[in-house]
Amino acid sequence: MPIDRAIEYLRRYFHLTVVAPHYSLSIWASVDGARLTHGHKRQYHFALQSLTLWREIVDNMFRLWHTAEEDLLSGTVTYSL
């Protein structure tokens, strides 16, 4: 899955505390349009958490779709505007 691959790349090519020159995940306010400032460690955690969240969403999307379809097609539940 592409999201798992992105997580793997993040873990393989970036370290939480050791930052190789020119490979920092840091962002600085007013540089390239950034509005926030985050150090490498914080941005690493943010990227990992975001990717993990998206992996969970994608993994459960079919269940969400199926449950919504069952609800909409139910003979006992009615909807009105």
PDB file of N, CA and C in Angstrom:
ATOM      1  N   MET A   1       0.852  -1.170   0.000  1.00  0.00           N
ATOM      2  CA  MET A   1       0.000   0.000   0.000  1.00  0.00           C
ATOM      3  C   MET A   1       0.904   1.242   0.000  1.00  0.00           C
ATOM      4  N   PRO A   2       0.580   2.250  -0.778  1.00  0.00           N
ATOM      5  CA  PRO A   2       1.425   3.447  -0.868  1.00  0.00           C
ATOM      6  C   PRO A   2       1.657   4.147   0.476  1.00  0.00           C
ATOM      7  N   ILE A   3       0.654   4.149   1.345  1.00  0.00           N
ATOM      8  CA  ILE A   3       0.819   4.824   2.634  1.00  0.00           C
ATOM      9  C   ILE A   3       1.824   4.069   3.499  1.00  0.00           C
ATOM     10  N   ASP A   4       1.753   2.746   3.491  1.00  0.00           N
ATOM     11  CA  ASP A   4       2.738   1.954   4.228  1.00  0.00           C
ATOM     12  C   ASP A   4       4.144   2.198   3.692  1.00  0.00           C
ATOM     13  N   ARG A   5       4.254   2.335   2.374  1.00  0.00           N
ATOM     14  CA  ARG A   5       5.551   2.608   1.763  1.00  0.00           C
ATOM     15  C   ARG A   5       6.076   3.981   2.194  1.00  0.00           C
ATOM     16  N   ALA A   6       5.186   4.974   2.267  1.00  0.00           N
ATOM     17  CA  ALA A   6       5.600   6.307   2.711  1.00  0.00           C
ATOM     18  C   ALA A   6       6.072   6.284   4.157  1.00  0.00           C
ATOM     19  N   ILE A   7       5.375   5.530   5.015  1.00  0.00           N
ATOM     20  CA  ILE A   7       5.799   5.390   6.412  1.00  0.00           C
ATOM     21  C   ILE A   7       7.167   4.719   6.477  1.00  0.00           C
ATOM     22  N   GLU A   8       7.336   3.674   5.658  1.00  0.00           N
ATOM     23  CA  GLU A   8       8.623   2.981   5.614  1.00  0.00           C
ATOM     24  C   GLU A   8       9.737   3.926   5.173  1.00  0.00           C
ATOM     25  N   TYR A   9       9.488   4.735   4.149  1.00  0.00           N
ATOM     26  CA  TYR A   9      10.486   5.699   3.684  1.00  0.00           C
ATOM     27  C   TYR A   9      10.818   6.718   4.769  1.00  0.00           C
ATOM     28  N   LEU A  10       9.794   7.207   5.454  1.00  0.00           N
ATOM     29  CA  LEU A  10      10.024   8.174   6.526  1.00  0.00           C
ATOM     30  C   LEU A  10      10.944   7.579   7.579  1.00  0.00           C
ATOM     31  N   ARG A  11      10.650   6.356   7.992  1.00  0.00           N
ATOM     32  CA  ARG A  11      11.458   5.706   9.028  1.00  0.00           C
ATOM     33  C   ARG A  11      12.848   5.339   8.525  1.00  0.00           C
ATOM     34  N   ARG A  12      12.964   4.987   7.243  1.00  0.00           N
ATOM     35  CA  ARG A  12      14.261   4.569   6.717  1.00  0.00           C
ATOM     36  C   ARG A  12      15.192   5.748   6.450  1.00  0.00           C
ATOM     37  N   TYR A  13      14.655   6.823   5.885  1.00  0.00           N
ATOM     38  CA  TYR A  13      15.506   7.923   5.428  1.00  0.00           C
ATOM     39  C   TYR A  13      15.602   9.098   6.390  1.00  0.00           C
ATOM     40  N   PHE A  14      14.758   9.121   7.409  1.00  0.00           N
ATOM     41  CA  PHE A  14      14.815  10.207   8.385  1.00  0.00           C
ATOM     42  C   PHE A  14      14.873   9.606   9.779  1.00  0.00           C
ATOM     43  N   HIS A  15      15.713  10.177  10.624  1.00  0.00           N
ATOM     44  CA  HIS A  15      15.826   9.723  11.999  1.00  0.00           C
ATOM     45  C   HIS A  15      15.168  10.770  12.884  1.00  0.00           C
ATOM     46  N   LEU A  16      14.616  10.316  13.990  1.00  0.00           N
ATOM     47  CA  LEU A  16      13.896  11.233  14.880  1.00  0.00           C
ATOM     48  C   LEU A  16      14.811  12.309  15.458  1.00  0.00           C
ATOM     49  N   THR A  17      15.995  11.926  15.901  1.00  0.00           N
ATOM     50  CA  THR A  17      16.866  12.886  16.592  1.00  0.00           C
ATOM     51  C   THR A  17      18.136  13.237  15.826  1.00  0.00           C
ATOM     52  N   VAL A  18      18.576  12.379  14.930  1.00  0.00           N
ATOM     53  CA  VAL A  18      19.792  12.654  14.158  1.00  0.00           C
ATOM     54  C   VAL A  18      19.370  13.216  12.807  1.00  0.00           C
ATOM     55  N   VAL A  19      19.782  14.452  12.537  1.00  0.00           N
ATOM     56  CA  VAL A  19      19.378  15.122  11.309  1.00  0.00           C
ATOM     57  C   VAL A  19      20.592  15.248  10.394  1.00  0.00           C
ATOM     58  N   ALA A  20      20.534  14.582   9.253  1.00  0.00           N
ATOM     59  CA  ALA A  20      21.611  14.688   8.269  1.00  0.00           C
ATOM     60  C   ALA A  20      21.530  16.058   7.597  1.00  0.00           C
ATOM     61  N   PRO A  21      22.667  16.623   7.234  1.00  0.00           N
ATOM     62  CA  PRO A  21      22.656  17.923   6.551  1.00  0.00           C
ATOM     63  C   PRO A  21      21.780  17.879   5.296  1.00  0.00           C
ATOM     64  N   HIS A  22      20.995  18.891   5.091  1.00  0.00           N
ATOM     65  CA  HIS A  22      20.096  19.049   3.945  1.00  0.00           C
ATOM     66  C   HIS A  22      18.914  18.071   3.962  1.00  0.00           C
ATOM     67  N   TYR A  23      18.702  17.337   5.057  1.00  0.00           N
ATOM     68  CA  TYR A  23      17.587  16.392   5.136  1.00  0.00           C
ATOM     69  C   TYR A  23      16.732  16.631   6.378  1.00  0.00           C
ATOM     70  N   SER A  24      16.681  17.859   6.813  1.00  0.00           N
ATOM     71  CA  SER A  24      15.856  18.199   7.967  1.00  0.00           C
ATOM     72  C   SER A  24      14.405  18.346   7.533  1.00  0.00           C
ATOM     73  N   LEU A  25      13.502  17.894   8.380  1.00  0.00           N
ATOM     74  CA  LEU A  25      12.076  18.069   8.127  1.00  0.00           C
ATOM     75  C   LEU A  25      11.552  19.375   8.722  1.00  0.00           C
ATOM     76  N   SER A  26      12.421  20.158   9.310  1.00  0.00           N
ATOM     77  CA  SER A  26      12.022  21.420   9.948  1.00  0.00           C
ATOM     78  C   SER A  26      11.350  22.349   8.952  1.00  0.00           C
ATOM     79  N   ILE A  27      10.407  23.116   9.442  1.00  0.00           N
ATOM     80  CA  ILE A  27       9.808  24.182   8.645  1.00  0.00           C
ATOM     81  C   ILE A  27       9.903  25.466   9.455  1.00  0.00           C
ATOM     82  N   TRP A  28      10.069  26.567   8.763  1.00  0.00           N
ATOM     83  CA  TRP A  28      10.247  27.858   9.436  1.00  0.00           C
ATOM     84  C   TRP A  28       9.251  28.854   8.881  1.00  0.00           C
ATOM     85  N   ALA A  29       8.613  29.577   9.756  1.00  0.00           N
ATOM     86  CA  ALA A  29       7.626  30.583   9.352  1.00  0.00           C
ATOM     87  C   ALA A  29       8.248  31.554   8.375  1.00  0.00           C
ATOM     88  N   SER A  30       7.467  31.909   7.382  1.00  0.00           N
ATOM     89  CA  SER A  30       7.799  32.857   6.319  1.00  0.00           C
ATOM     90  C   SER A  30       8.842  32.334   5.333  1.00  0.00           C
ATOM     91  N   VAL A  31       9.211  31.077   5.395  1.00  0.00           N
ATOM     92  CA  VAL A  31      10.115  30.493   4.406  1.00  0.00           C
ATOM     93  C   VAL A  31       9.280  29.623   3.476  1.00  0.00           C
ATOM     94  N   ASP A  32       9.306  29.938   2.194  1.00  0.00           N
ATOM     95  CA  ASP A  32       8.528  29.204   1.186  1.00  0.00           C
ATOM     96  C   ASP A  32       7.037  29.180   1.510  1.00  0.00           C
ATOM     97  N   GLY A  33       6.523  30.223   2.118  1.00  0.00           N
ATOM     98  CA  GLY A  33       5.096  30.335   2.399  1.00  0.00           C
ATOM     99  C   GLY A  33       4.630  29.671   3.684  1.00  0.00           C
ATOM    100  N   ALA A  34       5.549  29.103   4.458  1.00  0.00           N
ATOM    101  CA  ALA A  34       5.158  28.434   5.707  1.00  0.00           C
ATOM    102  C   ALA A  34       4.628  29.458   6.703  1.00  0.00           C
ATOM    103  N   ARG A  35       3.615  29.072   7.450  1.00  0.00           N
ATOM    104  CA  ARG A  35       3.030  29.942   8.467  1.00  0.00           C
ATOM    105  C   ARG A  35       3.459  29.550   9.872  1.00  0.00           C
ATOM    106  N   LEU A  36       3.983  28.340  10.022  1.00  0.00           N
ATOM    107  CA  LEU A  36       4.366  27.822  11.324  1.00  0.00           C
ATOM    108  C   LEU A  36       5.854  27.525  11.371  1.00  0.00           C
ATOM    109  N   THR A  37       6.353  27.352  12.574  1.00  0.00           N
ATOM    110  CA  THR A  37       7.726  26.911  12.771  1.00  0.00           C
ATOM    111  C   THR A  37       7.681  25.616  13.584  1.00  0.00           C
ATOM    112  N   HIS A  38       8.277  24.582  13.029  1.00  0.00           N
ATOM    113  CA  HIS A  38       8.392  23.302  13.718  1.00  0.00           C
ATOM    114  C   HIS A  38       9.790  22.759  13.500  1.00  0.00           C
ATOM    115  N   GLY A  39      10.377  22.274  14.570  1.00  0.00           N
ATOM    116  CA  GLY A  39      11.667  21.627  14.457  1.00  0.00           C
ATOM    117  C   GLY A  39      11.533  20.267  13.802  1.00  0.00           C
ATOM    118  N   HIS A  40      12.664  19.665  13.496  1.00  0.00           N
ATOM    119  CA  HIS A  40      12.692  18.370  12.820  1.00  0.00           C
ATOM    120  C   HIS A  40      11.915  17.313  13.600  1.00  0.00           C
ATOM    121  N   LYS A  41      12.151  17.226  14.891  1.00  0.00           N
ATOM    122  CA  LYS A  41      11.526  16.190  15.709  1.00  0.00           C
ATOM    123  C   LYS A  41      10.002  16.311  15.697  1.00  0.00           C
ATOM    124  N   ARG A  42       9.494  17.518  15.872  1.00  0.00           N
ATOM    125  CA  ARG A  42       8.046  17.728  15.885  1.00  0.00           C
ATOM    126  C   ARG A  42       7.443  17.425  14.512  1.00  0.00           C
ATOM    127  N   GLN A  43       8.110  17.859  13.455  1.00  0.00           N
ATOM    128  CA  GLN A  43       7.585  17.622  12.111  1.00  0.00           C
ATOM    129  C   GLN A  43       7.643  16.136  11.752  1.00  0.00           C
ATOM    130  N   TYR A  44       8.658  15.421  12.229  1.00  0.00           N
ATOM    131  CA  TYR A  44       8.748  13.971  12.022  1.00  0.00           C
ATOM    132  C   TYR A  44       7.535  13.292  12.663  1.00  0.00           C
ATOM    133  N   HIS A  45       7.249  13.648  13.920  1.00  0.00           N
ATOM    134  CA  HIS A  45       6.088  13.076  14.603  1.00  0.00           C
ATOM    135  C   HIS A  45       4.789  13.416  13.872  1.00  0.00           C
ATOM    136  N   PHE A  46       4.664  14.664  13.420  1.00  0.00           N
ATOM    137  CA  PHE A  46       3.459  15.081  12.710  1.00  0.00           C
ATOM    138  C   PHE A  46       3.281  14.274  11.432  1.00  0.00           C
ATOM    139  N   ALA A  47       4.355  14.115  10.658  1.00  0.00           N
ATOM    140  CA  ALA A  47       4.277  13.348   9.410  1.00  0.00           C
ATOM    141  C   ALA A  47       3.907  11.898   9.687  1.00  0.00           C
ATOM    142  N   LEU A  48       4.532  11.289  10.688  1.00  0.00           N
ATOM    143  CA  LEU A  48       4.248   9.895  11.020  1.00  0.00           C
ATOM    144  C   LEU A  48       2.801   9.723  11.499  1.00  0.00           C
ATOM    145  N   GLN A  49       2.329  10.631  12.345  1.00  0.00           N
ATOM    146  CA  GLN A  49       0.949  10.551  12.826  1.00  0.00           C
ATOM    147  C   GLN A  49      -0.051  10.758  11.684  1.00  0.00           C
ATOM    148  N   SER A  50       0.226  11.700  10.798  1.00  0.00           N
ATOM    149  CA  SER A  50      -0.673  11.960   9.669  1.00  0.00           C
ATOM    150  C   SER A  50      -0.755  10.753   8.744  1.00  0.00           C
ATOM    151  N   LEU A  51       0.388  10.167   8.424  1.00  0.00           N
ATOM    152  CA  LEU A  51       0.400   8.991   7.556  1.00  0.00           C
ATOM    153  C   LEU A  51      -0.304   7.808   8.212  1.00  0.00           C
ATOM    154  N   THR A  52      -0.091   7.637   9.517  1.00  0.00           N
ATOM    155  CA  THR A  52      -0.736   6.543  10.236  1.00  0.00           C
ATOM    156  C   THR A  52      -2.251   6.735  10.266  1.00  0.00           C
ATOM    157  N   LEU A  53      -2.702   7.970  10.484  1.00  0.00           N
ATOM    158  CA  LEU A  53      -4.136   8.255  10.463  1.00  0.00           C
ATOM    159  C   LEU A  53      -4.728   7.935   9.097  1.00  0.00           C
ATOM    160  N   TRP A  54      -4.081   8.378   8.023  1.00  0.00           N
ATOM    161  CA  TRP A  54      -4.597   8.112   6.681  1.00  0.00           C
ATOM    162  C   TRP A  54      -4.619   6.635   6.377  1.00  0.00           C
ATOM    163  N   ARG A  55      -3.625   5.880   6.873  1.00  0.00           N
ATOM    164  CA  ARG A  55      -3.626   4.435   6.663  1.00  0.00           C
ATOM    165  C   ARG A  55      -4.861   3.810   7.318  1.00  0.00           C
ATOM    166  N   GLU A  56      -5.191   4.248   8.538  1.00  0.00           N
ATOM    167  CA  GLU A  56      -6.367   3.722   9.230  1.00  0.00           C
ATOM    168  C   GLU A  56      -7.660   4.100   8.510  1.00  0.00           C
ATOM    169  N   ILE A  57      -7.733   5.322   8.008  1.00  0.00           N
ATOM    170  CA  ILE A  57      -8.920   5.765   7.272  1.00  0.00           C
ATOM    171  C   ILE A  57      -9.104   4.932   6.015  1.00  0.00           C
ATOM    172  N   VAL A  58      -8.039   4.759   5.252  1.00  0.00           N
ATOM    173  CA  VAL A  58      -8.112   3.984   4.012  1.00  0.00           C
ATOM    174  C   VAL A  58      -8.467   2.532   4.311  1.00  0.00           C
ATOM    175  N   ASP A  59      -7.868   1.964   5.355  1.00  0.00           N
ATOM    176  CA  ASP A  59      -8.147   0.572   5.717  1.00  0.00           C
ATOM    177  C   ASP A  59      -9.605   0.360   6.120  1.00  0.00           C
ATOM    178  N   ASN A  60     -10.261   1.386   6.635  1.00  0.00           N
ATOM    179  CA  ASN A  60     -11.641   1.251   7.098  1.00  0.00           C
ATOM    180  C   ASN A  60     -12.671   1.884   6.160  1.00  0.00           C
ATOM    181  N   MET A  61     -12.227   2.390   5.016  1.00  0.00           N
ATOM    182  CA  MET A  61     -13.143   3.072   4.101  1.00  0.00           C
ATOM    183  C   MET A  61     -14.221   2.135   3.569  1.00  0.00           C
ATOM    184  N   PHE A  62     -13.880   0.889   3.249  1.00  0.00           N
ATOM    185  CA  PHE A  62     -14.893  -0.029   2.735  1.00  0.00           C
ATOM    186  C   PHE A  62     -15.968  -0.278   3.784  1.00  0.00           C
ATOM    187  N   ARG A  63     -15.560  -0.448   5.031  1.00  0.00           N
ATOM    188  CA  ARG A  63     -16.540  -0.678   6.102  1.00  0.00           C
ATOM    189  C   ARG A  63     -17.467   0.527   6.255  1.00  0.00           C
ATOM    190  N   LEU A  64     -16.902   1.732   6.178  1.00  0.00           N
ATOM    191  CA  LEU A  64     -17.721   2.945   6.252  1.00  0.00           C
ATOM    192  C   LEU A  64     -18.715   2.993   5.098  1.00  0.00           C
ATOM    193  N   TRP A  65     -18.242   2.742   3.883  1.00  0.00           N
ATOM    194  CA  TRP A  65     -19.113   2.756   2.707  1.00  0.00           C
ATOM    195  C   TRP A  65     -20.212   1.710   2.848  1.00  0.00           C
ATOM    196  N   HIS A  66     -19.848   0.514   3.247  1.00  0.00           N
ATOM    197  CA  HIS A  66     -20.819  -0.580   3.384  1.00  0.00           C
ATOM    198  C   HIS A  66     -21.877  -0.243   4.443  1.00  0.00           C
ATOM    199  N   THR A  67     -21.451   0.282   5.575  1.00  0.00           N
ATOM    200  CA  THR A  67     -22.383   0.639   6.641  1.00  0.00           C
ATOM    201  C   THR A  67     -23.327   1.760   6.198  1.00  0.00           C
ATOM    202  N   ALA A  68     -22.791   2.746   5.482  1.00  0.00           N
ATOM    203  CA  ALA A  68     -23.630   3.844   4.985  1.00  0.00           C
ATOM    204  C   ALA A  68     -24.657   3.321   3.986  1.00  0.00           C
ATOM    205  N   GLU A  69     -24.251   2.416   3.093  1.00  0.00           N
ATOM    206  CA  GLU A  69     -25.180   1.833   2.127  1.00  0.00           C
ATOM    207  C   GLU A  69     -26.280   1.037   2.837  1.00  0.00           C
ATOM    208  N   GLU A  70     -25.911   0.232   3.825  1.00  0.00           N
ATOM    209  CA  GLU A  70     -26.914  -0.528   4.577  1.00  0.00           C
ATOM    210  C   GLU A  70     -27.924   0.400   5.230  1.00  0.00           C
ATOM    211  N   ASP A  71     -27.418   1.486   5.787  1.00  0.00           N
ATOM    212  CA  ASP A  71     -28.289   2.450   6.459  1.00  0.00           C
ATOM    213  C   ASP A  71     -29.241   3.112   5.465  1.00  0.00           C
ATOM    214  N   LEU A  72     -28.701   3.545   4.320  1.00  0.00           N
ATOM    215  CA  LEU A  72     -29.532   4.226   3.324  1.00  0.00           C
ATOM    216  C   LEU A  72     -30.554   3.297   2.681  1.00  0.00           C
ATOM    217  N   LEU A  73     -30.211   2.019   2.564  1.00  0.00           N
ATOM    218  CA  LEU A  73     -31.116   1.066   1.923  1.00  0.00           C
ATOM    219  C   LEU A  73     -32.031   0.329   2.903  1.00  0.00           C
ATOM    220  N   SER A  74     -31.936   0.691   4.171  1.00  0.00           N
ATOM    221  CA  SER A  74     -32.718   0.022   5.198  1.00  0.00           C
ATOM    222  C   SER A  74     -34.205   0.279   4.998  1.00  0.00           C
ATOM    223  N   GLY A  75     -35.005  -0.761   5.215  1.00  0.00           N
ATOM    224  CA  GLY A  75     -36.453  -0.600   5.098  1.00  0.00           C
ATOM    225  C   GLY A  75     -37.074  -0.041   6.372  1.00  0.00           C
ATOM    226  N   THR A  76     -36.315  -0.023   7.465  1.00  0.00           N
ATOM    227  CA  THR A  76     -36.879   0.442   8.735  1.00  0.00           C
ATOM    228  C   THR A  76     -36.485   1.864   9.072  1.00  0.00           C
ATOM    229  N   VAL A  77     -35.428   2.369   8.459  1.00  0.00           N
ATOM    230  CA  VAL A  77     -34.973   3.731   8.739  1.00  0.00           C
ATOM    231  C   VAL A  77     -35.385   4.611   7.572  1.00  0.00           C
ATOM    232  N   THR A  78     -36.066   5.708   7.855  1.00  0.00           N
ATOM    233  CA  THR A  78     -36.464   6.627   6.790  1.00  0.00           C
ATOM    234  C   THR A  78     -35.760   7.972   6.960  1.00  0.00           C
ATOM    235  N   TYR A  79     -35.562   8.627   5.846  1.00  0.00           N
ATOM    236  CA  TYR A  79     -34.919   9.936   5.851  1.00  0.00           C
ATOM    237  C   TYR A  79     -35.853  10.947   5.226  1.00  0.00           C
ATOM    238  N   SER A  80     -35.810  12.160   5.742  1.00  0.00           N
ATOM    239  CA  SER A  80     -36.592  13.228   5.143  1.00  0.00           C
ATOM    240  C   SER A  80     -35.830  14.539   5.331  1.00  0.00           C
ATOM    241  N   LEU A  81     -36.090  15.442   4.424  1.00  0.00           N
ATOM    242  CA  LEU A  81     -35.453  16.772   4.502  1.00  0.00           C
ATOM    243  C   LEU A  81     -36.353  17.729   5.241  1.00  0.00           C
TER     244      LEU A  81
END
